Amino acid sequence: MPEHKESRRRATFVSSEAEKRLLLWLAPRLPSRLLPDHFTLIGILGSCLVTFAYLMSNQSAGWLWFASAGFIVNWFGDSLDGTVARVRRITRPRYGFYLDHLVDAFSTLAIGIGLGLSPYMLLSVGLAVVVAYLVLSINVYLESQVLGDFRFGYGVMGPTETRLFLILLNTVAATLGPLPFAAFGVGATVFDLAGVAAAAVMMGMLARRVARNLRHLGRLEPPNVRRD
């Protein structure tokens, strides 16, 4: 079996440096019996808590605070599994790459469906955000293979900023309500507005990055040139 070559890892989003310092401080202080897979499981449980809390918000807005807590639990597990492995020098590059991104896709889908089935967002908007996020993720995975460059975020936005933004929306909804309005005869909320805007921004960021990647690859592999 050919040896797996890890892509160069880069994080460009706003919180990346502060988050890295925090994670490197936390990792050596965690119990040694907790392995990277345990943190992956904690991240999954966090996303399930978010989904459950959004579903329960049909009964009471107070569940939004539990959804925000779920985002924190998800961040804790999702951010520390790889960090713990690297700090302890027990990384499994192929296993970790496969499992981490599979779990990310599950968490994204679960949270998007939870939001879409809550009283705060239309299901169509929730699924649009999920699709946009997954397409961005697919592009990152392709870059890691084609360019050998694994960039976690797009510009200043990364997974942590996305969680913080959703926690902010939860706080607004829990304290002020869904802030409903009508758009083209369809009832919507501030969550729907934020979701549509987020999906549009993600597609714009994707288009910019795809264009840059294709220009770079085009220079490396010019068209209509024989390669004997």
C-alpha atoms as a PDB file:
ATOM      1  CA  MET A   1       0.000   0.000   0.000  1.00  0.00           C
ATOM      2  CA  PRO A   2       1.452   3.421  -0.942  1.00  0.00           C
ATOM      3  CA  GLU A   3       2.360   5.703   1.938  1.00  0.00           C
ATOM      4  CA  HIS A   4      -0.138   8.446   2.627  1.00  0.00           C
ATOM      5  CA  LYS A   5       1.281  11.948   2.303  1.00  0.00           C
ATOM      6  CA  GLU A   6      -0.447  14.516   4.488  1.00  0.00           C
ATOM      7  CA  SER A   7      -1.421  17.813   2.888  1.00  0.00           C
ATOM      8  CA  ARG A   8      -0.044  21.049   4.246  1.00  0.00           C
ATOM      9  CA  ARG A   9      -2.541  22.294   6.846  1.00  0.00           C
ATOM     10  CA  ARG A  10      -3.490  25.968   6.949  1.00  0.00           C
ATOM     11  CA  ALA A  11      -6.088  27.858   8.928  1.00  0.00           C
ATOM     12  CA  THR A  12      -6.870  31.403   7.793  1.00  0.00           C
ATOM     13  CA  PHE A  13      -9.971  32.272   9.803  1.00  0.00           C
ATOM     14  CA  VAL A  14     -10.134  34.979  12.465  1.00  0.00           C
ATOM     15  CA  SER A  15      -9.959  32.803  15.574  1.00  0.00           C
ATOM     16  CA  SER A  16      -7.388  30.317  14.259  1.00  0.00           C
ATOM     17  CA  GLU A  17      -4.320  31.520  16.195  1.00  0.00           C
ATOM     18  CA  ALA A  18      -6.124  32.050  19.508  1.00  0.00           C
ATOM     19  CA  GLU A  19      -7.940  28.741  19.100  1.00  0.00           C
ATOM     20  CA  LYS A  20      -4.689  26.916  18.334  1.00  0.00           C
ATOM     21  CA  ARG A  21      -3.047  28.279  21.481  1.00  0.00           C
ATOM     22  CA  LEU A  22      -6.055  27.285  23.585  1.00  0.00           C
ATOM     23  CA  LEU A  23      -6.160  23.752  22.153  1.00  0.00           C
ATOM     24  CA  LEU A  24      -2.412  23.259  22.631  1.00  0.00           C
ATOM     25  CA  TRP A  25      -2.826  24.362  26.248  1.00  0.00           C
ATOM     26  CA  LEU A  26      -5.794  22.028  26.819  1.00  0.00           C
ATOM     27  CA  ALA A  27      -4.508  18.881  25.094  1.00  0.00           C
ATOM     28  CA  PRO A  28      -1.650  17.985  27.514  1.00  0.00           C
ATOM     29  CA  ARG A  29      -3.943  18.548  30.495  1.00  0.00           C
ATOM     30  CA  LEU A  30      -6.601  16.059  29.444  1.00  0.00           C
ATOM     31  CA  PRO A  31      -6.748  12.537  30.945  1.00  0.00           C
ATOM     32  CA  SER A  32      -4.505  10.143  29.026  1.00  0.00           C
ATOM     33  CA  ARG A  33      -7.260   7.515  28.957  1.00  0.00           C
ATOM     34  CA  LEU A  34      -9.254   9.799  26.656  1.00  0.00           C
ATOM     35  CA  LEU A  35      -8.183   8.951  23.107  1.00  0.00           C
ATOM     36  CA  PRO A  36      -8.802  10.986  19.921  1.00  0.00           C
ATOM     37  CA  ASP A  37     -11.768   8.761  19.015  1.00  0.00           C
ATOM     38  CA  HIS A  38     -13.385   9.652  22.345  1.00  0.00           C
ATOM     39  CA  PHE A  39     -13.223  13.332  21.431  1.00  0.00           C
ATOM     40  CA  THR A  40     -14.676  12.557  18.010  1.00  0.00           C
ATOM     41  CA  LEU A  41     -17.584  10.866  19.786  1.00  0.00           C
ATOM     42  CA  ILE A  42     -18.011  13.912  22.053  1.00  0.00           C
ATOM     43  CA  GLY A  43     -18.238  16.080  18.936  1.00  0.00           C
ATOM     44  CA  ILE A  44     -20.943  13.821  17.484  1.00  0.00           C
ATOM     45  CA  LEU A  45     -22.906  13.928  20.737  1.00  0.00           C
ATOM     46  CA  GLY A  46     -22.656  17.725  20.682  1.00  0.00           C
ATOM     47  CA  SER A  47     -24.155  17.927  17.194  1.00  0.00           C
ATOM     48  CA  CYS A  48     -26.920  15.494  18.221  1.00  0.00           C
ATOM     49  CA  LEU A  49     -27.669  17.711  21.226  1.00  0.00           C
ATOM     50  CA  VAL A  50     -27.967  20.696  18.886  1.00  0.00           C
ATOM     51  CA  THR A  51     -30.381  18.806  16.632  1.00  0.00           C
ATOM     52  CA  PHE A  52     -32.492  17.589  19.551  1.00  0.00           C
ATOM     53  CA  ALA A  53     -32.601  21.050  21.125  1.00  0.00           C
ATOM     54  CA  TYR A  54     -33.734  22.669  17.880  1.00  0.00           C
ATOM     55  CA  LEU A  55     -36.493  20.083  17.544  1.00  0.00           C
ATOM     56  CA  MET A  56     -37.570  20.697  21.151  1.00  0.00           C
ATOM     57  CA  SER A  57     -37.613  24.458  20.552  1.00  0.00           C
ATOM     58  CA  ASN A  58     -41.035  23.831  18.980  1.00  0.00           C
ATOM     59  CA  GLN A  59     -42.172  23.392  22.596  1.00  0.00           C
ATOM     60  CA  SER A  60     -40.147  26.147  24.248  1.00  0.00           C
ATOM     61  CA  ALA A  61     -37.610  28.760  23.185  1.00  0.00           C
ATOM     62  CA  GLY A  62     -35.584  27.851  26.267  1.00  0.00           C
ATOM     63  CA  TRP A  63     -34.222  24.862  24.369  1.00  0.00           C
ATOM     64  CA  LEU A  64     -32.168  27.266  22.260  1.00  0.00           C
ATOM     65  CA  TRP A  65     -29.789  27.633  25.208  1.00  0.00           C
ATOM     66  CA  PHE A  66     -29.237  23.873  25.070  1.00  0.00           C
ATOM     67  CA  ALA A  67     -28.577  24.175  21.327  1.00  0.00           C
ATOM     68  CA  SER A  68     -25.865  26.740  22.079  1.00  0.00           C
ATOM     69  CA  ALA A  69     -24.401  24.403  24.716  1.00  0.00           C
ATOM     70  CA  GLY A  70     -24.396  21.660  22.082  1.00  0.00           C
ATOM     71  CA  PHE A  71     -22.309  23.837  19.773  1.00  0.00           C
ATOM     72  CA  ILE A  72     -19.740  24.259  22.558  1.00  0.00           C
ATOM     73  CA  VAL A  73     -19.643  20.494  23.172  1.00  0.00           C
ATOM     74  CA  ASN A  74     -19.309  19.919  19.424  1.00  0.00           C
ATOM     75  CA  TRP A  75     -16.417  22.413  19.231  1.00  0.00           C
ATOM     76  CA  PHE A  76     -14.679  20.745  22.190  1.00  0.00           C
ATOM     77  CA  GLY A  77     -14.765  17.268  20.669  1.00  0.00           C
ATOM     78  CA  ASP A  78     -14.289  18.225  17.035  1.00  0.00           C
ATOM     79  CA  SER A  79     -11.330  20.527  17.736  1.00  0.00           C
ATOM     80  CA  LEU A  80      -9.498  18.342  20.218  1.00  0.00           C
ATOM     81  CA  ASP A  81      -9.504  14.949  18.506  1.00  0.00           C
ATOM     82  CA  GLY A  82      -6.822  15.910  15.997  1.00  0.00           C
ATOM     83  CA  THR A  83      -4.952  18.173  18.423  1.00  0.00           C
ATOM     84  CA  VAL A  84      -4.671  15.424  21.043  1.00  0.00           C
ATOM     85  CA  ALA A  85      -3.403  13.002  18.402  1.00  0.00           C
ATOM     86  CA  ARG A  86      -0.733  15.444  17.222  1.00  0.00           C
ATOM     87  CA  VAL A  87       0.370  16.448  20.743  1.00  0.00           C
ATOM     88  CA  ARG A  88       0.715  12.795  21.795  1.00  0.00           C
ATOM     89  CA  ARG A  89       2.253  11.853  18.430  1.00  0.00           C
ATOM     90  CA  ILE A  90      -0.304   9.124  17.835  1.00  0.00           C
ATOM     91  CA  THR A  91      -1.722  10.466  14.565  1.00  0.00           C
ATOM     92  CA  ARG A  92      -3.339   8.133  12.048  1.00  0.00           C
ATOM     93  CA  PRO A  93      -3.434  10.320   8.903  1.00  0.00           C
ATOM     94  CA  ARG A  94      -5.665   8.210   6.639  1.00  0.00           C
ATOM     95  CA  TYR A  95      -7.962   7.031   9.421  1.00  0.00           C
ATOM     96  CA  GLY A  96      -8.234  10.533  10.890  1.00  0.00           C
ATOM     97  CA  PHE A  97      -8.817  12.230   7.537  1.00  0.00           C
ATOM     98  CA  TYR A  98     -11.578   9.787   6.618  1.00  0.00           C
ATOM     99  CA  LEU A  99     -13.339   9.734   9.994  1.00  0.00           C
ATOM    100  CA  ASP A 100     -13.049  13.468  10.709  1.00  0.00           C
ATOM    101  CA  HIS A 101     -14.623  14.556   7.441  1.00  0.00           C
ATOM    102  CA  LEU A 102     -17.290  11.874   7.536  1.00  0.00           C
ATOM    103  CA  VAL A 103     -18.266  13.072  11.017  1.00  0.00           C
ATOM    104  CA  ASP A 104     -18.216  16.713   9.871  1.00  0.00           C
ATOM    105  CA  ALA A 105     -20.664  15.867   7.076  1.00  0.00           C
ATOM    106  CA  PHE A 106     -22.966  14.061   9.512  1.00  0.00           C
ATOM    107  CA  SER A 107     -22.866  16.943  11.996  1.00  0.00           C
ATOM    108  CA  THR A 108     -23.580  19.517   9.295  1.00  0.00           C
ATOM    109  CA  LEU A 109     -26.568  17.540   8.022  1.00  0.00           C
ATOM    110  CA  ALA A 110     -27.922  16.873  11.521  1.00  0.00           C
ATOM    111  CA  ILE A 111     -27.690  20.525  12.581  1.00  0.00           C
ATOM    112  CA  GLY A 112     -29.182  21.788   9.314  1.00  0.00           C
ATOM    113  CA  ILE A 113     -32.153  19.415   9.547  1.00  0.00           C
ATOM    114  CA  GLY A 114     -32.632  20.317  13.210  1.00  0.00           C
ATOM    115  CA  LEU A 115     -32.746  24.007  12.329  1.00  0.00           C
ATOM    116  CA  GLY A 116     -35.090  23.338   9.412  1.00  0.00           C
ATOM    117  CA  LEU A 117     -37.526  21.448  11.643  1.00  0.00           C
ATOM    118  CA  SER A 118     -37.473  24.141  14.325  1.00  0.00           C
ATOM    119  CA  PRO A 119     -39.897  27.094  14.290  1.00  0.00           C
ATOM    120  CA  TYR A 120     -36.998  29.415  13.453  1.00  0.00           C
ATOM    121  CA  MET A 121     -36.008  28.323   9.951  1.00  0.00           C
ATOM    122  CA  LEU A 122     -37.711  26.893   6.887  1.00  0.00           C
ATOM    123  CA  LEU A 123     -36.556  23.367   6.063  1.00  0.00           C
ATOM    124  CA  SER A 124     -35.686  24.479   2.529  1.00  0.00           C
ATOM    125  CA  VAL A 125     -33.362  27.173   3.891  1.00  0.00           C
ATOM    126  CA  GLY A 126     -31.747  24.753   6.348  1.00  0.00           C
ATOM    127  CA  LEU A 127     -31.063  22.261   3.559  1.00  0.00           C
ATOM    128  CA  ALA A 128     -29.716  25.028   1.292  1.00  0.00           C
ATOM    129  CA  VAL A 129     -27.188  25.953   3.982  1.00  0.00           C
ATOM    130  CA  VAL A 130     -26.238  22.278   4.401  1.00  0.00           C
ATOM    131  CA  VAL A 131     -25.706  21.832   0.656  1.00  0.00           C
ATOM    132  CA  ALA A 132     -23.630  25.019   0.406  1.00  0.00           C
ATOM    133  CA  TYR A 133     -21.460  24.020   3.375  1.00  0.00           C
ATOM    134  CA  LEU A 134     -20.922  20.484   2.062  1.00  0.00           C
ATOM    135  CA  VAL A 135     -19.947  21.794  -1.390  1.00  0.00           C
ATOM    136  CA  LEU A 136     -17.376  24.063   0.271  1.00  0.00           C
ATOM    137  CA  SER A 137     -16.086  21.060   2.215  1.00  0.00           C
ATOM    138  CA  ILE A 138     -15.828  18.933  -0.932  1.00  0.00           C
ATOM    139  CA  ASN A 139     -13.764  21.672  -2.561  1.00  0.00           C
ATOM    140  CA  VAL A 140     -11.399  21.691   0.445  1.00  0.00           C
ATOM    141  CA  TYR A 141     -10.926  17.922   0.152  1.00  0.00           C
ATOM    142  CA  LEU A 142     -10.233  18.225  -3.573  1.00  0.00           C
ATOM    143  CA  GLU A 143      -7.674  20.959  -2.898  1.00  0.00           C
ATOM    144  CA  SER A 144      -5.916  18.758  -0.373  1.00  0.00           C
ATOM    145  CA  GLN A 145      -5.482  16.054  -2.999  1.00  0.00           C
ATOM    146  CA  VAL A 146      -4.819  18.146  -6.107  1.00  0.00           C
ATOM    147  CA  LEU A 147      -2.808  20.990  -4.564  1.00  0.00           C
ATOM    148  CA  GLY A 148      -1.503  19.329  -1.396  1.00  0.00           C
ATOM    149  CA  ASP A 149      -2.918  22.290   0.526  1.00  0.00           C
ATOM    150  CA  PHE A 150      -5.547  21.749   3.230  1.00  0.00           C
ATOM    151  CA  ARG A 151      -7.149  25.059   4.235  1.00  0.00           C
ATOM    152  CA  PHE A 152      -9.763  24.770   6.981  1.00  0.00           C
ATOM    153  CA  GLY A 153     -11.698  27.966   6.343  1.00  0.00           C
ATOM    154  CA  TYR A 154     -12.663  30.334   3.589  1.00  0.00           C
ATOM    155  CA  GLY A 155     -11.177  33.758   4.238  1.00  0.00           C
ATOM    156  CA  VAL A 156     -12.007  34.911   7.754  1.00  0.00           C
ATOM    157  CA  MET A 157     -14.792  32.356   8.276  1.00  0.00           C
ATOM    158  CA  GLY A 158     -14.162  28.893   9.660  1.00  0.00           C
ATOM    159  CA  PRO A 159     -16.043  26.269  11.670  1.00  0.00           C
ATOM    160  CA  THR A 160     -15.536  28.122  14.962  1.00  0.00           C
ATOM    161  CA  GLU A 161     -16.848  31.405  13.550  1.00  0.00           C
ATOM    162  CA  THR A 162     -19.862  29.538  12.160  1.00  0.00           C
ATOM    163  CA  ARG A 163     -20.632  28.075  15.587  1.00  0.00           C
ATOM    164  CA  LEU A 164     -20.278  31.492  17.252  1.00  0.00           C
ATOM    165  CA  PHE A 165     -22.606  33.031  14.679  1.00  0.00           C
ATOM    166  CA  LEU A 166     -25.250  30.359  15.324  1.00  0.00           C
ATOM    167  CA  ILE A 167     -24.901  30.823  19.087  1.00  0.00           C
ATOM    168  CA  LEU A 168     -25.492  34.557  18.531  1.00  0.00           C
ATOM    169  CA  LEU A 169     -28.626  33.793  16.493  1.00  0.00           C
ATOM    170  CA  ASN A 170     -29.814  31.414  19.214  1.00  0.00           C
ATOM    171  CA  THR A 171     -29.382  34.160  21.800  1.00  0.00           C
ATOM    172  CA  VAL A 172     -31.316  36.643  19.678  1.00  0.00           C
ATOM    173  CA  ALA A 173     -34.131  34.150  19.089  1.00  0.00           C
ATOM    174  CA  ALA A 174     -34.280  33.086  22.761  1.00  0.00           C
ATOM    175  CA  THR A 175     -34.479  36.669  24.023  1.00  0.00           C
ATOM    176  CA  LEU A 176     -36.358  38.485  21.245  1.00  0.00           C
ATOM    177  CA  GLY A 177     -38.217  35.654  19.521  1.00  0.00           C
ATOM    178  CA  PRO A 178     -37.954  34.531  15.877  1.00  0.00           C
ATOM    179  CA  LEU A 179     -38.630  38.077  14.541  1.00  0.00           C
ATOM    180  CA  PRO A 180     -40.987  36.880  11.781  1.00  0.00           C
ATOM    181  CA  PHE A 181     -41.633  38.728   8.529  1.00  0.00           C
ATOM    182  CA  ALA A 182     -43.078  37.984   5.095  1.00  0.00           C
ATOM    183  CA  ALA A 183     -41.005  37.795   1.907  1.00  0.00           C
ATOM    184  CA  PHE A 184     -42.761  37.330  -1.450  1.00  0.00           C
ATOM    185  CA  GLY A 185     -45.805  36.027   0.386  1.00  0.00           C
ATOM    186  CA  VAL A 186     -43.817  33.426   2.355  1.00  0.00           C
ATOM    187  CA  GLY A 187     -43.534  33.612   6.134  1.00  0.00           C
ATOM    188  CA  ALA A 188     -39.919  33.719   7.297  1.00  0.00           C
ATOM    189  CA  THR A 189     -37.774  34.631  10.304  1.00  0.00           C
ATOM    190  CA  VAL A 190     -34.443  36.309  10.957  1.00  0.00           C
ATOM    191  CA  PHE A 191     -32.923  32.794  10.884  1.00  0.00           C
ATOM    192  CA  ASP A 192     -34.154  32.353   7.316  1.00  0.00           C
ATOM    193  CA  LEU A 193     -32.672  35.694   6.324  1.00  0.00           C
ATOM    194  CA  ALA A 194     -29.338  34.751   7.903  1.00  0.00           C
ATOM    195  CA  GLY A 195     -29.460  31.305   6.287  1.00  0.00           C
ATOM    196  CA  VAL A 196     -30.105  32.629   2.776  1.00  0.00           C
ATOM    197  CA  ALA A 197     -27.369  35.235   3.213  1.00  0.00           C
ATOM    198  CA  ALA A 198     -24.949  32.603   4.523  1.00  0.00           C
ATOM    199  CA  ALA A 199     -25.637  30.252   1.600  1.00  0.00           C
ATOM    200  CA  ALA A 200     -25.140  33.093  -0.890  1.00  0.00           C
ATOM    201  CA  VAL A 201     -21.878  34.174   0.740  1.00  0.00           C
ATOM    202  CA  MET A 202     -20.596  30.592   0.779  1.00  0.00           C
ATOM    203  CA  MET A 203     -21.312  30.183  -2.914  1.00  0.00           C
ATOM    204  CA  GLY A 204     -19.541  33.464  -3.630  1.00  0.00           C
ATOM    205  CA  MET A 205     -16.472  32.344  -1.673  1.00  0.00           C
ATOM    206  CA  LEU A 206     -16.532  29.006  -3.477  1.00  0.00           C
ATOM    207  CA  ALA A 207     -16.688  30.655  -6.912  1.00  0.00           C
ATOM    208  CA  ARG A 208     -13.717  32.882  -6.065  1.00  0.00           C
ATOM    209  CA  ARG A 209     -11.619  29.989  -4.808  1.00  0.00           C
ATOM    210  CA  VAL A 210     -12.523  27.697  -7.712  1.00  0.00           C
ATOM    211  CA  ALA A 211     -11.539  30.406 -10.194  1.00  0.00           C
ATOM    212  CA  ARG A 212      -8.189  30.902  -8.442  1.00  0.00           C
ATOM    213  CA  ASN A 213      -7.519  27.155  -8.286  1.00  0.00           C
ATOM    214  CA  LEU A 214      -8.309  26.669 -11.975  1.00  0.00           C
ATOM    215  CA  ARG A 215      -6.025  29.552 -12.958  1.00  0.00           C
ATOM    216  CA  HIS A 216      -3.213  28.013 -10.907  1.00  0.00           C
ATOM    217  CA  LEU A 217      -3.783  24.508 -12.275  1.00  0.00           C
ATOM    218  CA  GLY A 218      -4.076  25.915 -15.792  1.00  0.00           C
ATOM    219  CA  ARG A 219      -0.605  27.417 -15.473  1.00  0.00           C
ATOM    220  CA  LEU A 220       0.753  24.080 -14.238  1.00  0.00           C
ATOM    221  CA  GLU A 221      -1.022  22.137 -16.976  1.00  0.00           C
ATOM    222  CA  PRO A 222      -1.521  24.417 -20.018  1.00  0.00           C
ATOM    223  CA  PRO A 223      -4.235  23.383 -22.492  1.00  0.00           C
ATOM    224  CA  ASN A 224      -3.490  21.889 -25.897  1.00  0.00           C
ATOM    225  CA  VAL A 225       0.029  20.798 -24.921  1.00  0.00           C
ATOM    226  CA  ARG A 226       1.132  17.259 -25.699  1.00  0.00           C
ATOM    227  CA  ARG A 227       2.484  15.314 -22.768  1.00  0.00           C
ATOM    228  CA  ASP A 228       4.450  12.359 -24.102  1.00  0.00           C
END
